Amino acid sequence: MEPKQGDSPALLRWKKRMASPEGQQIYKQRAATSETVNADLRTHRGLTQMTIRGTTKMRCVALWCALAYNLFHFAHRLLKTT
């Protein structure tokens, strides 16, 4: 990523870090883990566009979606009886 006029110092540091081999490795790990969760929530759970306003309400919806994802994803472990 090339620096652009008006980029903050923090953004420039992030771009430099992401261009490094270590940053690329971290990005690959992120793509394999958290990005699949985001894709699932957007595609299958309808978390695409918020029809509410306000940070508190948005945080509530995001937390409900995270809880629902975790329940669906880990239900087999939660229901497992040993």
C-alpha atoms as a PDB file:
ATOM      1  CA  MET A   1       0.000   0.000   0.000  1.00  0.00           C
ATOM      2  CA  GLU A   2       1.362   3.318  -1.027  1.00  0.00           C
ATOM      3  CA  PRO A   3       1.218   6.261   1.372  1.00  0.00           C
ATOM      4  CA  LYS A   4      -1.315   8.907   0.403  1.00  0.00           C
ATOM      5  CA  GLN A   5      -1.376  12.591   1.135  1.00  0.00           C
ATOM      6  CA  GLY A   6      -3.194  13.173   4.396  1.00  0.00           C
ATOM      7  CA  ASP A   7      -2.445   9.747   5.900  1.00  0.00           C
ATOM      8  CA  SER A   8      -1.975   9.978   9.640  1.00  0.00           C
ATOM      9  CA  PRO A   9       1.309   8.814  11.229  1.00  0.00           C
ATOM     10  CA  ALA A  10      -0.541   5.834  12.733  1.00  0.00           C
ATOM     11  CA  LEU A  11      -1.864   4.823   9.302  1.00  0.00           C
ATOM     12  CA  LEU A  12       1.612   5.138   7.783  1.00  0.00           C
ATOM     13  CA  ARG A  13       3.031   2.872  10.519  1.00  0.00           C
ATOM     14  CA  TRP A  14       0.241   0.341   9.870  1.00  0.00           C
ATOM     15  CA  LYS A  15       0.896   0.363   6.110  1.00  0.00           C
ATOM     16  CA  LYS A  16       4.608  -0.163   6.709  1.00  0.00           C
ATOM     17  CA  ARG A  17       3.928  -2.994   9.144  1.00  0.00           C
ATOM     18  CA  MET A  18       1.490  -4.684   6.731  1.00  0.00           C
ATOM     19  CA  ALA A  19       4.041  -4.486   3.903  1.00  0.00           C
ATOM     20  CA  SER A  20       6.607  -6.446   5.952  1.00  0.00           C
ATOM     21  CA  PRO A  21       6.866 -10.253   5.716  1.00  0.00           C
ATOM     22  CA  GLU A  22       5.649 -10.532   9.319  1.00  0.00           C
ATOM     23  CA  GLY A  23       2.631  -8.371   8.509  1.00  0.00           C
ATOM     24  CA  GLN A  24       1.794 -10.509   5.493  1.00  0.00           C
ATOM     25  CA  GLN A  25       1.930 -13.650   7.656  1.00  0.00           C
ATOM     26  CA  ILE A  26      -0.393 -12.073  10.231  1.00  0.00           C
ATOM     27  CA  TYR A  27      -2.776 -11.022   7.468  1.00  0.00           C
ATOM     28  CA  LYS A  28      -2.898 -14.600   6.141  1.00  0.00           C
ATOM     29  CA  GLN A  29      -3.773 -15.868   9.616  1.00  0.00           C
ATOM     30  CA  ARG A  30      -6.456 -13.212   9.994  1.00  0.00           C
ATOM     31  CA  ALA A  31      -7.946 -14.073   6.614  1.00  0.00           C
ATOM     32  CA  ALA A  32      -8.227 -17.706   7.656  1.00  0.00           C
ATOM     33  CA  THR A  33      -9.851 -16.980  11.017  1.00  0.00           C
ATOM     34  CA  SER A  34     -11.688 -13.730  11.663  1.00  0.00           C
ATOM     35  CA  GLU A  35     -12.518 -12.913   8.050  1.00  0.00           C
ATOM     36  CA  THR A  36     -14.422 -16.185   7.673  1.00  0.00           C
ATOM     37  CA  VAL A  37     -16.536 -15.192  10.689  1.00  0.00           C
ATOM     38  CA  ASN A  38     -17.260 -11.800   9.115  1.00  0.00           C
ATOM     39  CA  ALA A  39     -18.214 -13.470   5.840  1.00  0.00           C
ATOM     40  CA  ASP A  40     -20.527 -15.914   7.622  1.00  0.00           C
ATOM     41  CA  LEU A  41     -22.267 -13.118   9.533  1.00  0.00           C
ATOM     42  CA  ARG A  42     -22.748 -11.068   6.396  1.00  0.00           C
ATOM     43  CA  THR A  43     -23.816 -13.910   4.114  1.00  0.00           C
ATOM     44  CA  HIS A  44     -25.870 -16.205   6.334  1.00  0.00           C
ATOM     45  CA  ARG A  45     -26.897 -14.062   9.304  1.00  0.00           C
ATOM     46  CA  GLY A  46     -27.917 -10.860   7.520  1.00  0.00           C
ATOM     47  CA  LEU A  47     -25.388  -8.573   9.167  1.00  0.00           C
ATOM     48  CA  THR A  48     -24.946  -6.355   6.126  1.00  0.00           C
ATOM     49  CA  GLN A  49     -26.644  -3.055   6.744  1.00  0.00           C
ATOM     50  CA  MET A  50     -27.743  -1.695  10.089  1.00  0.00           C
ATOM     51  CA  THR A  51     -31.311  -0.420  10.213  1.00  0.00           C
ATOM     52  CA  ILE A  52     -30.736   1.100  13.636  1.00  0.00           C
ATOM     53  CA  ARG A  53     -28.966   4.196  14.846  1.00  0.00           C
ATOM     54  CA  GLY A  54     -26.604   4.793  17.697  1.00  0.00           C
ATOM     55  CA  THR A  55     -23.464   3.161  19.003  1.00  0.00           C
ATOM     56  CA  THR A  56     -25.240   1.422  21.867  1.00  0.00           C
ATOM     57  CA  LYS A  57     -27.787  -0.251  19.581  1.00  0.00           C
ATOM     58  CA  MET A  58     -25.123  -1.210  17.031  1.00  0.00           C
ATOM     59  CA  ARG A  59     -22.959  -2.717  19.748  1.00  0.00           C
ATOM     60  CA  CYS A  60     -25.983  -4.687  20.986  1.00  0.00           C
ATOM     61  CA  VAL A  61     -26.687  -6.087  17.499  1.00  0.00           C
ATOM     62  CA  ALA A  62     -23.010  -6.957  16.991  1.00  0.00           C
ATOM     63  CA  LEU A  63     -22.855  -8.759  20.338  1.00  0.00           C
ATOM     64  CA  TRP A  64     -26.061 -10.686  19.583  1.00  0.00           C
ATOM     65  CA  CYS A  65     -24.581 -11.724  16.230  1.00  0.00           C
ATOM     66  CA  ALA A  66     -21.334 -12.806  17.902  1.00  0.00           C
ATOM     67  CA  LEU A  67     -23.283 -14.818  20.472  1.00  0.00           C
ATOM     68  CA  ALA A  68     -25.401 -16.452  17.759  1.00  0.00           C
ATOM     69  CA  TYR A  69     -22.309 -17.300  15.706  1.00  0.00           C
ATOM     70  CA  ASN A  70     -20.586 -18.848  18.697  1.00  0.00           C
ATOM     71  CA  LEU A  71     -23.661 -20.891  19.597  1.00  0.00           C
ATOM     72  CA  PHE A  72     -24.012 -22.215  16.045  1.00  0.00           C
ATOM     73  CA  HIS A  73     -20.307 -22.801  15.669  1.00  0.00           C
ATOM     74  CA  PHE A  74     -19.686 -24.473  19.033  1.00  0.00           C
ATOM     75  CA  ALA A  75     -23.085 -26.114  19.657  1.00  0.00           C
ATOM     76  CA  HIS A  76     -21.721 -29.610  19.102  1.00  0.00           C
ATOM     77  CA  ARG A  77     -19.147 -29.065  21.866  1.00  0.00           C
ATOM     78  CA  LEU A  78     -21.663 -27.455  24.193  1.00  0.00           C
ATOM     79  CA  LEU A  79     -24.148 -30.313  23.760  1.00  0.00           C
ATOM     80  CA  LYS A  80     -21.569 -33.068  23.910  1.00  0.00           C
ATOM     81  CA  THR A  81     -22.149 -35.333  26.876  1.00  0.00           C
ATOM     82  CA  THR A  82     -19.272 -37.349  28.195  1.00  0.00           C
END
